[in-house]
């Protein structure tokens, strides 16, 4: 309930809102970098399973989502594993794809 109220307060006060993974270093680091860039921003930490089943996470529009499934309305999304849908306006991948000997992208 506290996370919902924090997110609602951020939207009502027109502050940047981030959604980051609470279960790994990538998500926590991304949250810290978001707060460094936007000191007046609000970060909500959640698990990937919560994003898929939470109505309020899916209903809000997010400024930044890191290391989580895309909840729908996202301005910037940081992906540290692989792409999922729906796609946000701007997306970054941190895992580099290796080129196969035939010149095609590998896994």
N, C-alpha and C. Protein backbone atom coordinates (compact mmCIF):
# COMPACT_ATOMS: atom_id res chain seq x y z
N UNK A 1 0.82 -1.19 0.00
CA UNK A 1 0.00 0.00 0.00
C UNK A 1 0.87 1.26 0.00
N UNK A 2 2.00 1.20 0.70
CA UNK A 2 2.89 2.35 0.76
C UNK A 2 3.47 2.68 -0.61
N UNK A 3 3.83 1.64 -1.37
CA UNK A 3 4.38 1.87 -2.71
C UNK A 3 3.34 2.51 -3.62
N UNK A 4 2.11 2.06 -3.52
CA UNK A 4 1.04 2.64 -4.32
C UNK A 4 0.84 4.11 -3.99
N UNK A 5 0.82 4.44 -2.71
CA UNK A 5 0.65 5.84 -2.30
C UNK A 5 1.83 6.71 -2.72
N UNK A 6 3.04 6.16 -2.66
CA UNK A 6 4.23 6.91 -3.11
C UNK A 6 4.15 7.18 -4.61
N UNK A 7 3.74 6.18 -5.37
CA UNK A 7 3.62 6.36 -6.82
C UNK A 7 2.51 7.35 -7.16
N UNK A 8 1.40 7.26 -6.45
CA UNK A 8 0.30 8.19 -6.68
C UNK A 8 0.71 9.62 -6.35
N UNK A 9 1.42 9.79 -5.25
CA UNK A 9 1.92 11.12 -4.86
C UNK A 9 2.87 11.68 -5.92
N UNK A 10 3.73 10.82 -6.47
CA UNK A 10 4.66 11.26 -7.52
C UNK A 10 3.90 11.73 -8.75
N UNK A 11 2.87 10.99 -9.15
CA UNK A 11 2.10 11.39 -10.32
C UNK A 11 1.34 12.69 -10.07
N UNK A 12 0.76 12.84 -8.88
CA UNK A 12 0.00 14.05 -8.57
C UNK A 12 0.90 15.28 -8.44
N UNK A 13 2.13 15.09 -8.01
CA UNK A 13 3.06 16.21 -7.86
C UNK A 13 3.97 16.38 -9.08
N UNK A 14 3.68 15.61 -10.15
CA UNK A 14 4.40 15.72 -11.42
C UNK A 14 5.91 15.46 -11.27
N UNK A 15 6.25 14.45 -10.50
CA UNK A 15 7.65 14.05 -10.32
C UNK A 15 7.96 12.82 -11.17
N UNK A 16 9.21 12.67 -11.59
CA UNK A 16 9.59 11.47 -12.36
C UNK A 16 9.38 10.21 -11.51
N UNK A 17 8.90 9.16 -12.15
CA UNK A 17 8.56 7.94 -11.44
C UNK A 17 9.28 6.75 -12.06
N UNK A 18 10.01 6.00 -11.24
CA UNK A 18 10.77 4.84 -11.71
C UNK A 18 10.26 3.56 -11.06
N UNK A 19 10.32 2.49 -11.82
CA UNK A 19 9.98 1.16 -11.35
C UNK A 19 11.20 0.28 -11.56
N UNK A 20 11.76 -0.27 -10.47
CA UNK A 20 13.00 -1.04 -10.55
C UNK A 20 12.85 -2.37 -9.81
N UNK A 21 13.64 -3.34 -10.23
CA UNK A 21 13.63 -4.67 -9.62
C UNK A 21 14.25 -4.62 -8.23
N UNK A 22 13.53 -5.18 -7.27
CA UNK A 22 14.02 -5.19 -5.89
C UNK A 22 14.89 -6.39 -5.58
N UNK A 23 14.99 -7.34 -6.51
CA UNK A 23 15.65 -8.60 -6.19
C UNK A 23 17.07 -8.77 -6.67
N UNK A 24 17.64 -7.79 -7.36
CA UNK A 24 19.02 -7.97 -7.81
C UNK A 24 19.78 -6.65 -7.85
N UNK A 25 21.06 -6.76 -8.05
CA UNK A 25 21.95 -5.59 -8.02
C UNK A 25 21.65 -4.64 -9.17
N UNK A 26 21.31 -5.18 -10.35
CA UNK A 26 21.02 -4.33 -11.50
C UNK A 26 19.87 -3.36 -11.21
N UNK A 27 18.82 -3.87 -10.61
CA UNK A 27 17.65 -3.04 -10.31
C UNK A 27 17.95 -1.98 -9.27
N UNK A 28 18.66 -2.35 -8.22
CA UNK A 28 18.98 -1.40 -7.15
C UNK A 28 19.95 -0.33 -7.67
N UNK A 29 20.92 -0.74 -8.47
CA UNK A 29 21.86 0.22 -9.05
C UNK A 29 21.14 1.17 -10.00
N UNK A 30 20.24 0.65 -10.79
CA UNK A 30 19.46 1.50 -11.70
C UNK A 30 18.62 2.51 -10.92
N UNK A 31 18.05 2.08 -9.81
CA UNK A 31 17.27 2.99 -8.97
C UNK A 31 18.15 4.10 -8.41
N UNK A 32 19.35 3.74 -7.98
CA UNK A 32 20.28 4.75 -7.45
C UNK A 32 20.69 5.75 -8.53
N UNK A 33 20.96 5.26 -9.73
CA UNK A 33 21.33 6.16 -10.83
C UNK A 33 20.16 7.06 -11.23
N UNK A 34 18.95 6.52 -11.20
CA UNK A 34 17.76 7.33 -11.50
C UNK A 34 17.63 8.47 -10.48
N UNK A 35 17.81 8.15 -9.20
CA UNK A 35 17.70 9.19 -8.17
C UNK A 35 18.84 10.19 -8.23
N UNK A 36 19.99 9.77 -8.73
CA UNK A 36 21.09 10.71 -8.91
C UNK A 36 20.76 11.69 -10.04
N UNK A 37 20.14 11.20 -11.10
CA UNK A 37 19.77 12.05 -12.22
C UNK A 37 18.56 12.93 -11.87
N UNK A 38 17.58 12.34 -11.18
CA UNK A 38 16.35 13.04 -10.79
C UNK A 38 16.20 12.99 -9.27
N UNK A 39 16.85 13.92 -8.54
CA UNK A 39 16.81 13.89 -7.08
C UNK A 39 15.39 14.02 -6.51
N UNK A 40 14.49 14.63 -7.24
CA UNK A 40 13.12 14.76 -6.74
C UNK A 40 12.22 13.63 -7.24
N UNK A 41 12.82 12.62 -7.90
CA UNK A 41 12.05 11.49 -8.41
C UNK A 41 11.66 10.52 -7.31
N UNK A 42 10.77 9.62 -7.67
CA UNK A 42 10.28 8.59 -6.74
C UNK A 42 10.55 7.23 -7.37
N UNK A 43 11.12 6.32 -6.59
CA UNK A 43 11.42 4.96 -7.06
C UNK A 43 10.51 3.98 -6.34
N UNK A 44 9.91 3.09 -7.12
CA UNK A 44 9.12 1.99 -6.57
C UNK A 44 9.89 0.71 -6.89
N UNK A 45 10.18 -0.08 -5.86
CA UNK A 45 10.87 -1.35 -6.03
C UNK A 45 9.83 -2.47 -6.04
N UNK A 46 9.96 -3.38 -7.02
CA UNK A 46 9.00 -4.48 -7.14
C UNK A 46 9.70 -5.69 -7.73
N UNK A 47 9.08 -6.84 -7.55
CA UNK A 47 9.56 -8.08 -8.14
C UNK A 47 8.90 -8.27 -9.51
N UNK A 48 9.54 -9.01 -10.42
CA UNK A 48 8.94 -9.23 -11.74
C UNK A 48 7.54 -9.83 -11.68
N UNK A 49 7.29 -10.72 -10.75
CA UNK A 49 5.95 -11.32 -10.64
C UNK A 49 4.90 -10.29 -10.24
N UNK A 50 5.30 -9.29 -9.46
CA UNK A 50 4.35 -8.24 -9.06
C UNK A 50 3.93 -7.38 -10.23
N UNK A 51 4.85 -7.13 -11.16
CA UNK A 51 4.54 -6.29 -12.32
C UNK A 51 3.46 -6.96 -13.16
N UNK A 52 3.52 -8.27 -13.31
CA UNK A 52 2.55 -8.98 -14.13
C UNK A 52 1.17 -9.07 -13.51
N UNK A 53 1.07 -9.03 -12.18
CA UNK A 53 -0.24 -9.22 -11.56
C UNK A 53 -0.79 -7.99 -10.85
N UNK A 54 -0.08 -6.88 -10.85
CA UNK A 54 -0.54 -5.70 -10.13
C UNK A 54 -1.28 -4.74 -11.06
N UNK A 55 -2.52 -4.45 -10.73
CA UNK A 55 -3.33 -3.55 -11.57
C UNK A 55 -2.81 -2.13 -11.54
N UNK A 56 -2.31 -1.66 -10.39
CA UNK A 56 -1.90 -0.26 -10.30
C UNK A 56 -0.56 -0.02 -10.98
N UNK A 57 0.32 -1.03 -11.00
CA UNK A 57 1.59 -0.89 -11.72
C UNK A 57 1.33 -0.78 -13.22
N UNK A 58 0.40 -1.58 -13.73
CA UNK A 58 0.07 -1.54 -15.15
C UNK A 58 -0.69 -0.27 -15.54
N UNK A 59 -1.41 0.33 -14.61
CA UNK A 59 -2.24 1.49 -14.95
C UNK A 59 -1.48 2.81 -14.94
N UNK A 60 -0.34 2.89 -14.27
CA UNK A 60 0.43 4.13 -14.22
C UNK A 60 1.37 4.25 -15.43
N UNK A 61 1.70 5.47 -15.77
CA UNK A 61 2.75 5.69 -16.77
C UNK A 61 4.04 5.98 -16.03
N UNK A 62 5.12 5.31 -16.43
CA UNK A 62 6.40 5.36 -15.74
C UNK A 62 7.41 6.14 -16.56
N UNK A 63 8.25 6.90 -15.89
CA UNK A 63 9.33 7.61 -16.56
C UNK A 63 10.45 6.62 -16.91
N UNK A 64 10.71 5.67 -16.02
CA UNK A 64 11.85 4.77 -16.16
C UNK A 64 11.50 3.41 -15.56
N UNK A 65 11.79 2.34 -16.28
CA UNK A 65 11.62 0.97 -15.76
C UNK A 65 12.93 0.23 -16.01
N UNK A 66 13.45 -0.40 -14.97
CA UNK A 66 14.73 -1.09 -15.07
C UNK A 66 14.62 -2.54 -14.63
N UNK A 67 15.06 -3.43 -15.52
CA UNK A 67 15.24 -4.85 -15.20
C UNK A 67 13.94 -5.55 -14.81
N UNK A 68 12.82 -5.09 -15.37
CA UNK A 68 11.51 -5.68 -15.10
C UNK A 68 10.73 -5.83 -16.39
N UNK A 69 9.70 -6.69 -16.39
CA UNK A 69 8.83 -6.74 -17.57
C UNK A 69 8.16 -5.38 -17.78
N UNK A 70 7.93 -5.03 -19.01
CA UNK A 70 7.34 -3.73 -19.32
C UNK A 70 5.88 -3.70 -18.87
N UNK A 71 5.53 -2.76 -17.99
CA UNK A 71 4.15 -2.68 -17.52
C UNK A 71 3.20 -2.03 -18.52
N UNK A 72 3.70 -1.49 -19.60
CA UNK A 72 2.82 -0.89 -20.61
C UNK A 72 3.21 0.51 -20.99
N UNK A 73 3.01 1.46 -20.09
CA UNK A 73 3.26 2.87 -20.39
C UNK A 73 4.60 3.29 -19.79
N UNK A 74 5.64 3.27 -20.63
CA UNK A 74 7.00 3.54 -20.15
C UNK A 74 7.69 4.49 -21.13
N UNK A 75 8.36 5.50 -20.59
CA UNK A 75 9.12 6.42 -21.43
C UNK A 75 10.49 5.82 -21.77
N UNK A 76 11.25 5.38 -20.74
CA UNK A 76 12.58 4.79 -20.92
C UNK A 76 12.64 3.47 -20.16
N UNK A 77 13.18 2.45 -20.82
CA UNK A 77 13.29 1.14 -20.18
C UNK A 77 14.69 0.59 -20.35
N UNK A 78 15.27 0.10 -19.27
CA UNK A 78 16.59 -0.53 -19.28
C UNK A 78 16.39 -2.03 -19.15
N UNK A 79 16.91 -2.77 -20.12
CA UNK A 79 16.77 -4.23 -20.13
C UNK A 79 18.15 -4.84 -19.92
N UNK A 80 18.29 -5.69 -18.92
CA UNK A 80 19.59 -6.32 -18.69
C UNK A 80 19.60 -7.78 -19.12
N UNK A 81 18.48 -8.33 -19.57
CA UNK A 81 18.45 -9.72 -20.01
C UNK A 81 18.04 -9.82 -21.47
N UNK A 82 16.78 -9.71 -21.79
CA UNK A 82 16.31 -9.82 -23.17
C UNK A 82 15.04 -9.03 -23.36
N UNK A 83 14.65 -8.76 -24.60
CA UNK A 83 13.47 -7.93 -24.86
C UNK A 83 12.17 -8.65 -24.56
N UNK A 84 11.19 -7.90 -24.08
CA UNK A 84 9.83 -8.39 -23.87
C UNK A 84 8.88 -7.33 -24.42
N UNK A 85 7.65 -7.66 -24.57
CA UNK A 85 6.70 -6.68 -25.12
C UNK A 85 5.72 -6.27 -24.03
N UNK A 86 5.02 -5.17 -24.13
CA UNK A 86 5.04 -4.19 -25.21
C UNK A 86 6.27 -3.30 -25.14
N UNK A 87 6.63 -2.73 -26.26
CA UNK A 87 7.86 -1.94 -26.34
C UNK A 87 7.62 -0.50 -25.91
N UNK A 88 8.52 0.07 -25.11
CA UNK A 88 8.42 1.48 -24.74
C UNK A 88 8.95 2.38 -25.86
N UNK A 89 8.88 3.69 -25.65
CA UNK A 89 9.40 4.63 -26.64
C UNK A 89 10.90 4.48 -26.84
N UNK A 90 11.64 4.25 -25.76
CA UNK A 90 13.09 4.17 -25.82
C UNK A 90 13.53 3.01 -24.95
N UNK A 91 14.40 2.15 -25.47
CA UNK A 91 14.82 0.97 -24.74
C UNK A 91 16.31 0.75 -24.92
N UNK A 92 16.99 0.30 -23.86
CA UNK A 92 18.42 0.02 -23.91
C UNK A 92 18.65 -1.41 -23.47
N UNK A 93 19.56 -2.10 -24.15
CA UNK A 93 19.94 -3.44 -23.73
C UNK A 93 21.39 -3.41 -23.28
N UNK A 94 21.69 -4.08 -22.17
CA UNK A 94 23.05 -4.10 -21.67
C UNK A 94 23.78 -5.37 -22.06
N UNK A 95 23.07 -6.43 -22.43
CA UNK A 95 23.73 -7.68 -22.83
C UNK A 95 24.15 -7.57 -24.28
N UNK A 96 25.39 -7.78 -24.56
CA UNK A 96 25.90 -7.69 -25.93
C UNK A 96 25.68 -9.02 -26.64
N UNK A 97 25.29 -8.93 -27.87
CA UNK A 97 25.12 -10.14 -28.68
C UNK A 97 26.42 -10.41 -29.43
N UNK A 98 26.87 -11.66 -29.38
CA UNK A 98 28.09 -12.05 -30.09
C UNK A 98 27.77 -12.36 -31.54
N UNK A 99 28.67 -12.05 -32.42
CA UNK A 99 28.51 -12.38 -33.83
C UNK A 99 28.95 -13.81 -34.06
N UNK A 100 28.15 -14.55 -34.82
CA UNK A 100 28.52 -15.93 -35.14
C UNK A 100 29.55 -15.91 -36.26
N UNK A 101 30.22 -17.03 -36.53
CA UNK A 101 31.22 -17.07 -37.60
C UNK A 101 30.66 -16.72 -38.98
N UNK A 102 29.35 -16.87 -39.15
CA UNK A 102 28.72 -16.60 -40.45
C UNK A 102 28.28 -15.14 -40.58
N UNK A 103 28.54 -14.32 -39.60
CA UNK A 103 28.21 -12.91 -39.67
C UNK A 103 26.82 -12.58 -39.14
N UNK A 104 26.06 -13.58 -38.72
CA UNK A 104 24.73 -13.34 -38.14
C UNK A 104 24.87 -13.14 -36.65
N UNK A 105 23.88 -12.48 -36.07
CA UNK A 105 23.90 -12.31 -34.61
C UNK A 105 23.64 -13.64 -33.94
N UNK A 106 24.37 -13.90 -32.91
CA UNK A 106 24.19 -15.12 -32.15
C UNK A 106 23.23 -14.92 -31.00
N UNK A 107 23.10 -15.87 -30.11
CA UNK A 107 22.16 -15.79 -29.00
C UNK A 107 22.46 -14.75 -27.99
